[in-house]
Amino acid sequence: MKRLLILPLVIFLAGACAKKEHSGIYDQGKIEYKITYLNEDNGNFDPSLLPKKMILEFNKDFCTNTIDGFMGFFRLGNLTYFGKKKSTTYLKVIDKSYIFYGNKQELMCCFDAFEGMKIEPDTVTKTIAGLKSNLSRAIVPSTGDTFDIFYTYDINLDNPNITNPYLNINGVLTDFVLYMGPYKMRFEAQKFDPTKSPKEDMGVSENAVKVSRQEMVYALERLMQ
């Protein structure tokens, strides 16, 4: 009889622990990331002109991220809808504006896809911008690169990376690497504000030209090389 009573309790506790690991206490907010360049000499620009910050704002339905740089002449923005698994990318270069509408589960423009990337979880955790973060090792066979990344389950979002190269990670990224054009960029969370909620308006110009992924990548590469 005791065994019959204990078994449901064990099952309940196991389920509660598993759920707790993957369910967060925040469902909206703003994260500010510091951008550093792992190969800043690869481009033709003075490193001091390169973008130094990315802003991610999110709620349960969608998120936006924006990168500004080159003394205000450049903005790369993305709007992702988690449920639809779609994203829109906006690029402003000086007085030209472009917009790209991705298909379902298509990666946002204009970062490398990390095809065949393998994620090896670790047991190490640390606090980043006030968020408990888990360590994993990312391995990219196509380039031979390996690097550490961190992500948090403190934020309660479904498919938070559905349109970025880390789509197989269900936590919100707090320290990670992306490649854009000739640059290898590391993004490290510096500040987290759970009171902020995103706006769907990315400040897209009325004159923005609808382009394909290839056309937007070409426009960005012309700027960054």
N, C-alpha and C. Protein backbone atom coordinates (compact mmCIF):
# COMPACT_ATOMS: atom_id res chain seq x y z
N MET A 1 0.83 -1.21 0.00
CA MET A 1 0.00 0.00 0.00
C MET A 1 0.86 1.26 0.00
N LYS A 2 1.93 1.25 0.83
CA LYS A 2 2.82 2.41 0.89
C LYS A 2 3.48 2.65 -0.46
N ARG A 3 3.87 1.56 -1.13
CA ARG A 3 4.51 1.70 -2.43
C ARG A 3 3.57 2.36 -3.43
N LEU A 4 2.28 2.00 -3.34
CA LEU A 4 1.30 2.57 -4.25
C LEU A 4 1.13 4.06 -4.01
N LEU A 5 1.27 4.51 -2.76
CA LEU A 5 1.15 5.92 -2.44
C LEU A 5 2.41 6.69 -2.83
N ILE A 6 3.55 6.06 -2.66
CA ILE A 6 4.82 6.74 -2.94
C ILE A 6 5.04 6.94 -4.43
N LEU A 7 4.64 5.96 -5.25
CA LEU A 7 4.91 6.01 -6.69
C LEU A 7 4.31 7.25 -7.35
N PRO A 8 3.01 7.57 -7.13
CA PRO A 8 2.48 8.79 -7.75
C PRO A 8 3.20 10.04 -7.28
N LEU A 9 3.64 10.07 -5.99
CA LEU A 9 4.35 11.23 -5.48
C LEU A 9 5.68 11.43 -6.19
N VAL A 10 6.41 10.33 -6.41
CA VAL A 10 7.70 10.40 -7.13
C VAL A 10 7.49 10.91 -8.54
N ILE A 11 6.45 10.39 -9.20
CA ILE A 11 6.17 10.82 -10.57
C ILE A 11 5.84 12.30 -10.60
N PHE A 12 5.03 12.75 -9.62
CA PHE A 12 4.65 14.17 -9.56
C PHE A 12 5.86 15.07 -9.36
N LEU A 13 6.73 14.69 -8.43
CA LEU A 13 7.91 15.50 -8.14
C LEU A 13 8.86 15.55 -9.33
N ALA A 14 9.02 14.43 -10.01
CA ALA A 14 9.90 14.39 -11.18
C ALA A 14 9.36 15.31 -12.26
N GLY A 15 8.05 15.26 -12.46
CA GLY A 15 7.45 16.13 -13.47
C GLY A 15 7.56 17.58 -13.10
N ALA A 16 7.39 17.91 -11.83
CA ALA A 16 7.48 19.29 -11.38
C ALA A 16 8.88 19.83 -11.55
N CYS A 17 9.89 19.00 -11.25
CA CYS A 17 11.28 19.45 -11.41
C CYS A 17 11.60 19.69 -12.87
N ALA A 18 11.18 18.80 -13.75
CA ALA A 18 11.45 18.97 -15.18
C ALA A 18 10.79 20.22 -15.70
N LYS A 19 9.56 20.47 -15.25
CA LYS A 19 8.84 21.65 -15.71
C LYS A 19 9.51 22.92 -15.22
N LYS A 20 9.97 22.91 -13.97
CA LYS A 20 10.59 24.08 -13.38
C LYS A 20 11.84 24.49 -14.14
N GLU A 21 12.62 23.53 -14.62
CA GLU A 21 13.86 23.85 -15.34
C GLU A 21 13.58 24.61 -16.62
N HIS A 22 12.45 24.35 -17.27
CA HIS A 22 12.17 24.93 -18.56
C HIS A 22 11.07 25.98 -18.53
N SER A 23 10.59 26.36 -17.38
CA SER A 23 9.58 27.41 -17.31
C SER A 23 10.14 28.57 -16.52
N GLY A 24 10.07 29.78 -17.10
CA GLY A 24 10.70 30.92 -16.48
C GLY A 24 9.72 31.77 -15.69
N ILE A 25 10.27 32.78 -15.05
CA ILE A 25 9.46 33.69 -14.26
C ILE A 25 9.17 34.99 -14.99
N TYR A 26 9.82 35.20 -16.16
CA TYR A 26 9.60 36.41 -16.94
C TYR A 26 8.99 36.05 -18.29
N ASP A 27 7.99 36.82 -18.72
CA ASP A 27 7.43 36.59 -20.05
C ASP A 27 7.45 37.85 -20.91
N GLN A 28 8.17 38.87 -20.46
CA GLN A 28 8.43 40.04 -21.27
C GLN A 28 9.70 40.70 -20.75
N GLY A 29 10.27 41.60 -21.54
CA GLY A 29 11.44 42.30 -21.06
C GLY A 29 12.31 42.84 -22.17
N LYS A 30 13.41 43.43 -21.74
CA LYS A 30 14.40 44.03 -22.65
C LYS A 30 15.79 43.61 -22.20
N ILE A 31 16.56 43.06 -23.12
CA ILE A 31 17.95 42.69 -22.84
C ILE A 31 18.87 43.52 -23.71
N GLU A 32 19.87 44.11 -23.09
CA GLU A 32 20.88 44.87 -23.82
C GLU A 32 22.16 44.05 -23.87
N TYR A 33 22.66 43.82 -25.08
CA TYR A 33 23.86 43.01 -25.30
C TYR A 33 25.03 43.90 -25.72
N LYS A 34 26.20 43.60 -25.21
CA LYS A 34 27.44 44.20 -25.70
C LYS A 34 27.96 43.36 -26.85
N ILE A 35 28.36 44.01 -27.93
CA ILE A 35 28.92 43.31 -29.09
C ILE A 35 30.43 43.51 -29.11
N THR A 36 31.15 42.40 -29.18
CA THR A 36 32.60 42.46 -29.42
C THR A 36 32.91 41.66 -30.67
N TYR A 37 34.03 41.97 -31.30
CA TYR A 37 34.40 41.37 -32.57
C TYR A 37 35.62 40.47 -32.38
N LEU A 38 35.46 39.20 -32.71
CA LEU A 38 36.53 38.24 -32.50
C LEU A 38 37.58 38.33 -33.60
N ASN A 39 37.25 39.06 -34.68
CA ASN A 39 38.20 39.24 -35.78
C ASN A 39 37.99 40.61 -36.39
N GLU A 40 38.05 41.64 -35.57
CA GLU A 40 37.68 42.99 -36.00
C GLU A 40 38.56 43.55 -37.12
N ASP A 41 39.73 42.96 -37.35
CA ASP A 41 40.62 43.45 -38.40
C ASP A 41 40.26 42.92 -39.79
N ASN A 42 39.25 42.04 -39.86
CA ASN A 42 38.88 41.46 -41.15
C ASN A 42 38.21 42.44 -42.09
N GLY A 43 37.52 43.44 -41.56
CA GLY A 43 36.78 44.38 -42.40
C GLY A 43 37.64 45.59 -42.75
N ASN A 44 37.02 46.52 -43.47
CA ASN A 44 37.72 47.72 -43.92
C ASN A 44 37.44 48.92 -43.03
N PHE A 45 36.72 48.72 -41.90
CA PHE A 45 36.31 49.83 -41.08
C PHE A 45 37.18 49.96 -39.84
N ASP A 46 37.29 51.20 -39.37
CA ASP A 46 37.87 51.44 -38.05
C ASP A 46 36.98 50.72 -37.04
N PRO A 47 37.54 49.84 -36.21
CA PRO A 47 36.72 49.10 -35.24
C PRO A 47 35.84 49.97 -34.36
N SER A 48 36.27 51.23 -34.14
CA SER A 48 35.47 52.13 -33.29
C SER A 48 34.14 52.50 -33.92
N LEU A 49 34.00 52.30 -35.25
CA LEU A 49 32.76 52.65 -35.94
C LEU A 49 31.77 51.49 -35.98
N LEU A 50 32.22 50.28 -35.66
CA LEU A 50 31.35 49.11 -35.75
C LEU A 50 30.30 49.14 -34.64
N PRO A 51 29.13 48.55 -34.89
CA PRO A 51 28.07 48.50 -33.85
C PRO A 51 28.58 47.86 -32.57
N LYS A 52 28.20 48.43 -31.43
CA LYS A 52 28.68 47.95 -30.13
C LYS A 52 27.56 47.40 -29.26
N LYS A 53 26.31 47.47 -29.73
CA LYS A 53 25.20 47.10 -28.86
C LYS A 53 24.05 46.53 -29.69
N MET A 54 23.37 45.54 -29.11
CA MET A 54 22.12 45.03 -29.67
C MET A 54 21.06 45.06 -28.58
N ILE A 55 19.85 45.43 -28.96
CA ILE A 55 18.72 45.47 -28.04
C ILE A 55 17.71 44.40 -28.45
N LEU A 56 17.36 43.53 -27.50
CA LEU A 56 16.32 42.52 -27.70
C LEU A 56 15.15 42.86 -26.78
N GLU A 57 13.95 42.98 -27.35
CA GLU A 57 12.73 43.21 -26.58
C GLU A 57 11.74 42.11 -26.94
N PHE A 58 11.01 41.60 -25.94
CA PHE A 58 10.18 40.43 -26.21
C PHE A 58 8.96 40.39 -25.31
N ASN A 59 7.95 39.68 -25.78
CA ASN A 59 6.84 39.22 -24.95
C ASN A 59 6.51 37.80 -25.38
N LYS A 60 5.37 37.28 -24.97
CA LYS A 60 5.04 35.88 -25.28
C LYS A 60 4.78 35.65 -26.76
N ASP A 61 4.44 36.71 -27.49
CA ASP A 61 4.02 36.56 -28.88
C ASP A 61 5.12 36.85 -29.90
N PHE A 62 5.96 37.84 -29.61
CA PHE A 62 6.96 38.23 -30.59
C PHE A 62 8.15 38.91 -29.92
N CYS A 63 9.21 39.08 -30.68
CA CYS A 63 10.37 39.82 -30.19
C CYS A 63 10.94 40.68 -31.31
N THR A 64 11.66 41.71 -30.92
CA THR A 64 12.39 42.53 -31.87
C THR A 64 13.84 42.62 -31.41
N ASN A 65 14.76 42.66 -32.35
CA ASN A 65 16.14 42.98 -32.00
C ASN A 65 16.69 43.98 -33.01
N THR A 66 17.47 44.92 -32.51
CA THR A 66 18.00 45.99 -33.36
C THR A 66 19.48 46.20 -33.07
N ILE A 67 20.22 46.46 -34.14
CA ILE A 67 21.64 46.79 -34.07
C ILE A 67 21.84 48.09 -34.84
N ASP A 68 22.41 49.09 -34.18
CA ASP A 68 22.71 50.37 -34.82
C ASP A 68 24.21 50.57 -34.84
N GLY A 69 24.71 51.25 -35.89
CA GLY A 69 26.14 51.50 -35.95
C GLY A 69 26.54 52.44 -37.05
N PHE A 70 27.84 52.53 -37.28
CA PHE A 70 28.41 53.39 -38.30
C PHE A 70 27.89 54.82 -38.16
N MET A 71 27.92 55.32 -36.90
CA MET A 71 27.55 56.70 -36.59
C MET A 71 26.13 57.03 -37.06
N GLY A 72 25.22 56.07 -36.88
CA GLY A 72 23.83 56.31 -37.20
C GLY A 72 23.43 56.04 -38.63
N PHE A 73 24.38 55.64 -39.47
CA PHE A 73 24.08 55.40 -40.88
C PHE A 73 23.59 53.97 -41.15
N PHE A 74 23.57 53.15 -40.10
CA PHE A 74 23.24 51.74 -40.29
C PHE A 74 22.29 51.26 -39.20
N ARG A 75 21.27 50.51 -39.60
CA ARG A 75 20.40 49.83 -38.63
C ARG A 75 19.96 48.50 -39.22
N LEU A 76 20.11 47.46 -38.43
CA LEU A 76 19.61 46.13 -38.80
C LEU A 76 18.61 45.72 -37.73
N GLY A 77 17.37 45.51 -38.14
CA GLY A 77 16.32 45.15 -37.19
C GLY A 77 15.60 43.89 -37.62
N ASN A 78 15.09 43.16 -36.64
CA ASN A 78 14.36 41.94 -36.94
C ASN A 78 13.14 41.83 -36.04
N LEU A 79 12.04 41.38 -36.61
CA LEU A 79 10.80 41.14 -35.87
C LEU A 79 10.41 39.68 -36.08
N THR A 80 10.33 38.92 -34.99
CA THR A 80 10.01 37.50 -35.06
C THR A 80 8.72 37.21 -34.31
N TYR A 81 7.82 36.47 -34.96
CA TYR A 81 6.60 35.99 -34.31
C TYR A 81 6.81 34.52 -33.94
N PHE A 82 6.76 34.22 -32.65
CA PHE A 82 7.07 32.86 -32.19
C PHE A 82 6.04 31.84 -32.68
N GLY A 83 4.76 32.19 -32.60
CA GLY A 83 3.72 31.25 -33.01
C GLY A 83 3.72 30.98 -34.50
N LYS A 84 3.87 32.04 -35.29
CA LYS A 84 3.89 31.90 -36.75
C LYS A 84 5.22 31.33 -37.25
N LYS A 85 6.26 31.43 -36.40
CA LYS A 85 7.61 30.97 -36.76
C LYS A 85 8.11 31.69 -38.01
N LYS A 86 7.83 33.00 -38.06
CA LYS A 86 8.24 33.83 -39.18
C LYS A 86 8.92 35.09 -38.67
N SER A 87 9.77 35.66 -39.52
CA SER A 87 10.44 36.90 -39.14
C SER A 87 10.50 37.86 -40.32
N THR A 88 10.64 39.13 -39.97
CA THR A 88 10.83 40.20 -40.95
C THR A 88 12.13 40.91 -40.60
N THR A 89 12.97 41.16 -41.59
CA THR A 89 14.25 41.83 -41.36
C THR A 89 14.26 43.17 -42.07
N TYR A 90 14.71 44.19 -41.36
CA TYR A 90 14.76 45.56 -41.89
C TYR A 90 16.21 46.04 -41.87
N LEU A 91 16.66 46.58 -43.00
CA LEU A 91 18.02 47.09 -43.11
C LEU A 91 17.99 48.53 -43.62
N LYS A 92 18.65 49.42 -42.89
CA LYS A 92 18.81 50.81 -43.31
C LYS A 92 20.29 51.09 -43.48
N VAL A 93 20.67 51.54 -44.66
CA VAL A 93 22.05 51.89 -44.95
C VAL A 93 22.06 53.30 -45.54
N ILE A 94 22.52 54.24 -44.76
CA ILE A 94 22.53 55.67 -45.11
C ILE A 94 21.09 56.10 -45.45
N ASP A 95 20.78 56.39 -46.72
CA ASP A 95 19.44 56.84 -47.07
C ASP A 95 18.63 55.77 -47.79
N LYS A 96 19.13 54.53 -47.78
CA LYS A 96 18.44 53.42 -48.43
C LYS A 96 17.86 52.48 -47.37
N SER A 97 16.64 51.99 -47.61
CA SER A 97 16.00 51.08 -46.67
C SER A 97 15.47 49.87 -47.41
N TYR A 98 15.65 48.70 -46.79
CA TYR A 98 15.24 47.44 -47.41
C TYR A 98 14.48 46.60 -46.38
N ILE A 99 13.55 45.78 -46.87
CA ILE A 99 12.80 44.90 -45.97
C ILE A 99 12.67 43.52 -46.60
N PHE A 100 12.87 42.50 -45.76
CA PHE A 100 12.81 41.11 -46.22
C PHE A 100 11.82 40.35 -45.36
N TYR A 101 10.86 39.68 -46.00
CA TYR A 101 9.86 38.89 -45.29
C TYR A 101 10.22 37.40 -45.41
N GLY A 102 10.55 36.78 -44.30
CA GLY A 102 10.94 35.38 -44.32
C GLY A 102 9.74 34.45 -44.35
N ASN A 103 9.95 33.26 -44.88
CA ASN A 103 8.92 32.22 -44.86
C ASN A 103 8.92 31.52 -43.51
N LYS A 104 7.96 30.64 -43.29
CA LYS A 104 7.84 29.93 -42.03
C LYS A 104 9.12 29.13 -41.74
N GLN A 105 9.66 29.33 -40.54
CA GLN A 105 10.87 28.68 -40.05
C GLN A 105 12.11 28.98 -40.89
N GLU A 106 12.05 30.05 -41.68
CA GLU A 106 13.23 30.50 -42.41
C GLU A 106 14.05 31.40 -41.50
N LEU A 107 15.38 31.26 -41.52
CA LEU A 107 16.23 32.05 -40.66
C LEU A 107 16.16 33.51 -41.02
N MET A 108 16.27 34.35 -39.99
CA MET A 108 16.34 35.78 -40.23
C MET A 108 17.56 36.12 -41.08
N CYS A 109 17.51 37.21 -41.76
CA CYS A 109 18.66 37.73 -42.48
C CYS A 109 19.40 38.66 -41.51
N CYS A 110 20.68 38.76 -41.42
CA CYS A 110 21.62 38.39 -42.45
C CYS A 110 22.84 37.72 -41.80
N PHE A 111 22.59 36.76 -40.90
CA PHE A 111 23.64 36.06 -40.20
C PHE A 111 23.85 34.67 -40.80
N ASP A 112 25.07 34.13 -40.65
CA ASP A 112 25.36 32.79 -41.15
C ASP A 112 24.48 31.76 -40.46
N ALA A 113 24.15 30.69 -41.18
CA ALA A 113 23.20 29.70 -40.68
C ALA A 113 23.82 28.65 -39.76
N PHE A 114 25.16 28.52 -39.73
CA PHE A 114 25.83 27.49 -38.94
C PHE A 114 25.28 26.11 -39.27
N GLU A 115 25.29 25.76 -40.54
CA GLU A 115 24.73 24.47 -40.97
C GLU A 115 25.47 23.31 -40.32
N GLY A 116 24.69 22.35 -39.83
CA GLY A 116 25.25 21.17 -39.19
C GLY A 116 25.79 21.42 -37.80
N MET A 117 25.49 22.58 -37.22
CA MET A 117 26.02 22.90 -35.88
C MET A 117 25.55 21.87 -34.85
N LYS A 118 26.46 21.46 -33.98
CA LYS A 118 26.15 20.54 -32.89
C LYS A 118 26.27 21.30 -31.57
N ILE A 119 25.33 21.02 -30.66
CA ILE A 119 25.34 21.65 -29.34
C ILE A 119 25.62 20.57 -28.28
N GLU A 120 26.68 20.78 -27.50
CA GLU A 120 27.03 19.86 -26.43
C GLU A 120 26.80 20.53 -25.08
N PRO A 121 25.71 20.16 -24.37
CA PRO A 121 25.40 20.79 -23.08
C PRO A 121 26.47 20.49 -22.02
N ASP A 122 26.63 21.41 -21.10
CA ASP A 122 27.54 21.25 -19.97
C ASP A 122 26.73 21.42 -18.69
N THR A 123 27.33 21.13 -17.56
CA THR A 123 26.63 21.29 -16.27
C THR A 123 26.92 22.65 -15.63
N VAL A 124 27.82 23.43 -16.22
CA VAL A 124 28.21 24.72 -15.66
C VAL A 124 27.07 25.73 -15.82
N THR A 125 26.84 26.53 -14.81
CA THR A 125 25.89 27.64 -14.88
C THR A 125 26.56 28.89 -14.31
N LYS A 126 26.09 30.05 -14.75
CA LYS A 126 26.53 31.31 -14.15
C LYS A 126 25.44 32.35 -14.37
N THR A 127 25.50 33.40 -13.58
CA THR A 127 24.50 34.46 -13.68
C THR A 127 24.99 35.53 -14.64
N ILE A 128 24.18 35.82 -15.65
CA ILE A 128 24.50 36.83 -16.66
C ILE A 128 23.35 37.83 -16.71
N ALA A 129 23.64 39.09 -16.44
CA ALA A 129 22.62 40.14 -16.42
C ALA A 129 21.46 39.77 -15.49
N GLY A 130 21.78 39.09 -14.40
CA GLY A 130 20.77 38.71 -13.43
C GLY A 130 19.99 37.46 -13.78
N LEU A 131 20.37 36.79 -14.86
CA LEU A 131 19.65 35.61 -15.33
C LEU A 131 20.54 34.37 -15.18
N LYS A 132 20.02 33.32 -14.54
CA LYS A 132 20.76 32.08 -14.43
C LYS A 132 20.93 31.47 -15.82
N SER A 133 22.16 31.22 -16.21
CA SER A 133 22.45 30.80 -17.58
C SER A 133 23.21 29.49 -17.62
N ASN A 134 22.85 28.64 -18.57
CA ASN A 134 23.46 27.32 -18.75
C ASN A 134 24.50 27.38 -19.86
N LEU A 135 25.59 26.64 -19.67
CA LEU A 135 26.67 26.59 -20.65
C LEU A 135 26.49 25.42 -21.62
N SER A 136 26.78 25.67 -22.89
CA SER A 136 26.91 24.60 -23.89
C SER A 136 28.08 24.95 -24.81
N ARG A 137 28.60 23.93 -25.47
CA ARG A 137 29.65 24.12 -26.46
C ARG A 137 29.04 23.96 -27.84
N ALA A 138 29.24 24.97 -28.69
CA ALA A 138 28.75 24.93 -30.07
C ALA A 138 29.88 24.50 -30.99
N ILE A 139 29.60 23.54 -31.86
CA ILE A 139 30.59 23.02 -32.81
C ILE A 139 30.02 23.19 -34.22
N VAL A 140 30.77 23.88 -35.08
CA VAL A 140 30.32 24.14 -36.44
C VAL A 140 31.23 23.37 -37.40
N PRO A 141 30.81 22.19 -37.87
CA PRO A 141 31.68 21.35 -38.70
C PRO A 141 32.10 22.03 -40.01
N SER A 142 31.23 22.85 -40.59
CA SER A 142 31.54 23.45 -41.89
C SER A 142 32.71 24.43 -41.83
N THR A 143 32.94 25.02 -40.65
CA THR A 143 34.05 25.98 -40.51
C THR A 143 35.14 25.47 -39.57
N GLY A 144 34.83 24.43 -38.80
CA GLY A 144 35.79 23.92 -37.83
C GLY A 144 35.85 24.74 -36.56
N ASP A 145 34.93 25.69 -36.40
CA ASP A 145 34.92 26.56 -35.22
C ASP A 145 34.20 25.90 -34.05
N THR A 146 34.66 26.19 -32.85
CA THR A 146 33.96 25.80 -31.62
C THR A 146 33.97 27.00 -30.69
N PHE A 147 32.88 27.18 -29.94
CA PHE A 147 32.82 28.29 -29.00
C PHE A 147 31.76 28.00 -27.94
N ASP A 148 31.91 28.65 -26.79
CA ASP A 148 30.95 28.50 -25.70
C ASP A 148 29.78 29.44 -25.88
N ILE A 149 28.60 28.99 -25.47
CA ILE A 149 27.42 29.84 -25.45
C ILE A 149 26.69 29.64 -24.13
N PHE A 150 25.90 30.63 -23.73
CA PHE A 150 25.06 30.52 -22.54
C PHE A 150 23.63 30.91 -22.90
N TYR A 151 22.68 30.30 -22.19
CA TYR A 151 21.26 30.60 -22.42
C TYR A 151 20.52 30.38 -21.11
N THR A 152 19.36 31.02 -20.98
CA THR A 152 18.63 30.99 -19.72
C THR A 152 17.22 30.44 -19.88
N TYR A 153 16.77 29.73 -18.85
CA TYR A 153 15.38 29.28 -18.77
C TYR A 153 14.56 30.17 -17.84
N ASP A 154 15.18 31.26 -17.33
CA ASP A 154 14.45 32.17 -16.45
C ASP A 154 13.34 32.91 -17.20
N ILE A 155 13.48 32.97 -18.54
CA ILE A 155 12.49 33.64 -19.37
C ILE A 155 11.60 32.58 -20.01
N ASN A 156 10.30 32.76 -19.90
CA ASN A 156 9.34 31.75 -20.31
C ASN A 156 8.82 32.04 -21.72
N LEU A 157 9.57 31.58 -22.73
CA LEU A 157 9.17 31.75 -24.12
C LEU A 157 9.21 30.40 -24.83
N ASP A 158 8.27 30.18 -25.73
CA ASP A 158 8.28 28.99 -26.56
C ASP A 158 9.00 29.30 -27.87
N ASN A 159 9.93 28.44 -28.26
CA ASN A 159 10.68 28.60 -29.51
C ASN A 159 11.36 29.96 -29.63
N PRO A 160 12.11 30.40 -28.61
CA PRO A 160 12.70 31.74 -28.66
C PRO A 160 13.72 31.93 -29.77
N ASN A 161 14.29 30.82 -30.28
CA ASN A 161 15.34 30.93 -31.31
C ASN A 161 14.89 30.36 -32.65
N ILE A 162 13.59 30.36 -32.89
CA ILE A 162 13.05 29.67 -34.05
C ILE A 162 13.54 30.26 -35.37
N THR A 163 13.97 31.52 -35.40
CA THR A 163 14.45 32.11 -36.65
C THR A 163 15.91 32.53 -36.58
N ASN A 164 16.67 31.98 -35.61
CA ASN A 164 18.11 32.25 -35.60
C ASN A 164 18.87 30.92 -35.62
N PRO A 165 20.19 30.93 -35.79
CA PRO A 165 20.93 29.68 -35.95
C PRO A 165 20.86 28.72 -34.77
N TYR A 166 20.40 29.19 -33.61
CA TYR A 166 20.34 28.34 -32.42
C TYR A 166 18.93 27.80 -32.17
N LEU A 167 18.21 27.49 -33.25
CA LEU A 167 16.81 27.10 -33.12
C LEU A 167 16.60 25.86 -32.26
N ASN A 168 17.61 25.02 -32.08
CA ASN A 168 17.45 23.80 -31.28
C ASN A 168 17.63 24.04 -29.78
N ILE A 169 17.93 25.26 -29.39
CA ILE A 169 18.05 25.61 -27.98
C ILE A 169 16.76 26.30 -27.56
N ASN A 170 16.14 25.82 -26.48
CA ASN A 170 14.85 26.36 -26.06
C ASN A 170 14.97 27.47 -25.03
N GLY A 171 16.19 27.86 -24.68
CA GLY A 171 16.39 28.97 -23.75
C GLY A 171 16.75 30.24 -24.48
N VAL A 172 16.56 31.37 -23.81
CA VAL A 172 16.91 32.67 -24.39
C VAL A 172 18.42 32.87 -24.25
N LEU A 173 19.07 33.23 -25.33
CA LEU A 173 20.53 33.35 -25.36
C LEU A 173 20.99 34.55 -24.55
N THR A 174 22.02 34.33 -23.74
CA THR A 174 22.59 35.41 -22.94
C THR A 174 24.05 35.71 -23.29
N ASP A 175 24.73 34.76 -23.93
CA ASP A 175 26.12 34.95 -24.37
C ASP A 175 26.33 34.00 -25.54
N PHE A 176 26.54 34.56 -26.74
CA PHE A 176 26.56 33.70 -27.93
C PHE A 176 27.33 34.38 -29.05
N VAL A 177 27.53 33.64 -30.13
CA VAL A 177 28.32 34.10 -31.27
C VAL A 177 27.48 34.04 -32.54
N LEU A 178 27.61 35.06 -33.38
CA LEU A 178 27.01 35.07 -34.72
C LEU A 178 28.04 35.58 -35.70
N TYR A 179 27.93 35.13 -36.95
CA TYR A 179 28.79 35.63 -38.01
C TYR A 179 27.95 36.48 -38.96
N MET A 180 28.44 37.67 -39.26
CA MET A 180 27.75 38.56 -40.21
C MET A 180 28.79 39.15 -41.15
N GLY A 181 28.65 38.82 -42.45
CA GLY A 181 29.66 39.28 -43.40
C GLY A 181 31.02 38.75 -43.01
N PRO A 182 32.04 39.62 -42.95
CA PRO A 182 33.39 39.16 -42.60
C PRO A 182 33.63 39.05 -41.10
N TYR A 183 32.65 39.40 -40.28
CA TYR A 183 32.88 39.53 -38.86
C TYR A 183 32.31 38.37 -38.04
N LYS A 184 33.08 37.97 -37.02
CA LYS A 184 32.62 37.04 -36.00
C LYS A 184 32.28 37.88 -34.77
N MET A 185 31.02 37.88 -34.38
CA MET A 185 30.53 38.78 -33.34
C MET A 185 30.08 38.00 -32.11
N ARG A 186 30.52 38.44 -30.94
CA ARG A 186 30.04 37.85 -29.69
C ARG A 186 29.07 38.83 -29.03
N PHE A 187 27.93 38.29 -28.60
CA PHE A 187 26.89 39.08 -27.95
C PHE A 187 26.80 38.65 -26.48
N GLU A 188 27.03 39.58 -25.57
CA GLU A 188 27.01 39.27 -24.13
C GLU A 188 25.98 40.16 -23.45
N ALA A 189 24.98 39.54 -22.80
CA ALA A 189 23.94 40.30 -22.11
C ALA A 189 24.56 41.12 -20.99
N GLN A 190 24.19 42.40 -20.92
CA GLN A 190 24.70 43.30 -19.89
C GLN A 190 23.62 43.77 -18.93
N LYS A 191 22.42 43.99 -19.46
CA LYS A 191 21.32 44.50 -18.65
C LYS A 191 20.02 43.78 -19.03
N PHE A 192 19.19 43.53 -18.04
CA PHE A 192 17.87 42.94 -18.29
C PHE A 192 16.83 43.73 -17.52
N ASP A 193 15.80 44.19 -18.23
CA ASP A 193 14.71 44.95 -17.62
C ASP A 193 13.40 44.22 -17.90
N PRO A 194 12.81 43.57 -16.89
CA PRO A 194 11.59 42.79 -17.11
C PRO A 194 10.33 43.63 -17.22
N THR A 195 10.45 44.96 -17.07
CA THR A 195 9.26 45.82 -17.15
C THR A 195 8.97 46.29 -18.57
N LYS A 196 9.90 46.10 -19.47
CA LYS A 196 9.75 46.59 -20.84
C LYS A 196 8.99 45.57 -21.70
N SER A 197 8.20 46.08 -22.63
CA SER A 197 7.48 45.25 -23.59
C SER A 197 7.74 45.78 -24.99
N PRO A 198 7.88 44.91 -25.99
CA PRO A 198 8.28 45.37 -27.33
C PRO A 198 7.13 46.03 -28.09
N LYS A 199 7.52 46.83 -29.07
CA LYS A 199 6.57 47.39 -30.04
C LYS A 199 6.84 46.75 -31.39
N GLU A 200 5.78 46.47 -32.12
CA GLU A 200 5.96 45.83 -33.43
C GLU A 200 6.53 46.79 -34.46
N ASP A 201 6.47 48.07 -34.19
CA ASP A 201 7.00 49.08 -35.11
C ASP A 201 8.51 49.17 -34.95
N MET A 202 9.26 48.80 -36.00
CA MET A 202 10.72 48.87 -35.96
C MET A 202 11.22 50.18 -36.56
N GLY A 203 10.32 51.11 -36.81
CA GLY A 203 10.74 52.36 -37.43
C GLY A 203 11.06 52.19 -38.90
N VAL A 204 10.35 51.27 -39.57
CA VAL A 204 10.60 51.00 -40.98
C VAL A 204 10.19 52.19 -41.82
N SER A 205 11.07 52.62 -42.71
CA SER A 205 10.77 53.75 -43.59
C SER A 205 9.64 53.39 -44.55
N GLU A 206 8.80 54.38 -44.86
CA GLU A 206 7.72 54.17 -45.82
C GLU A 206 8.27 53.86 -47.20
N ASN A 207 9.51 54.25 -47.44
CA ASN A 207 10.14 54.04 -48.75
C ASN A 207 10.98 52.77 -48.80
N ALA A 208 10.88 51.92 -47.76
CA ALA A 208 11.67 50.69 -47.75
C ALA A 208 11.30 49.80 -48.94
N VAL A 209 12.33 49.27 -49.58
CA VAL A 209 12.14 48.43 -50.76
C VAL A 209 12.10 46.96 -50.35
N LYS A 210 11.07 46.25 -50.77
CA LYS A 210 10.98 44.82 -50.49
C LYS A 210 11.99 44.08 -51.35
N VAL A 211 12.83 43.26 -50.72
CA VAL A 211 13.89 42.56 -51.43
C VAL A 211 13.92 41.09 -51.04
N SER A 212 14.67 40.31 -51.80
CA SER A 212 14.90 38.91 -51.46
C SER A 212 16.03 38.82 -50.43
N ARG A 213 16.20 37.64 -49.86
CA ARG A 213 17.31 37.45 -48.92
C ARG A 213 18.65 37.76 -49.59
N GLN A 214 18.84 37.26 -50.81
CA GLN A 214 20.10 37.47 -51.51
C GLN A 214 20.39 38.95 -51.74
N GLU A 215 19.34 39.71 -52.08
CA GLU A 215 19.53 41.15 -52.33
C GLU A 215 19.88 41.89 -51.04
N MET A 216 19.26 41.50 -49.93
CA MET A 216 19.58 42.16 -48.67
C MET A 216 20.99 41.80 -48.21
N VAL A 217 21.38 40.54 -48.34
CA VAL A 217 22.74 40.14 -47.99
C VAL A 217 23.76 40.91 -48.82
N TYR A 218 23.47 41.08 -50.10
CA TYR A 218 24.38 41.81 -50.98
C TYR A 218 24.53 43.26 -50.53
N ALA A 219 23.40 43.91 -50.16
CA ALA A 219 23.45 45.29 -49.70
C ALA A 219 24.26 45.41 -48.42
N LEU A 220 24.11 44.45 -47.52
CA LEU A 220 24.85 44.48 -46.26
C LEU A 220 26.33 44.22 -46.49
N GLU A 221 26.65 43.26 -47.34
CA GLU A 221 28.04 42.93 -47.60
C GLU A 221 28.77 44.11 -48.25
N ARG A 222 28.11 44.84 -49.09
CA ARG A 222 28.73 46.04 -49.70
C ARG A 222 29.12 47.05 -48.64
N LEU A 223 28.32 47.12 -47.58
CA LEU A 223 28.63 48.07 -46.50
C LEU A 223 29.78 47.57 -45.66
N MET A 224 29.79 46.27 -45.33
CA MET A 224 30.70 45.76 -44.31
C MET A 224 32.05 45.33 -44.84
N GLN A 225 32.21 45.22 -46.14
CA GLN A 225 33.50 44.77 -46.68
C GLN A 225 34.35 45.95 -47.12
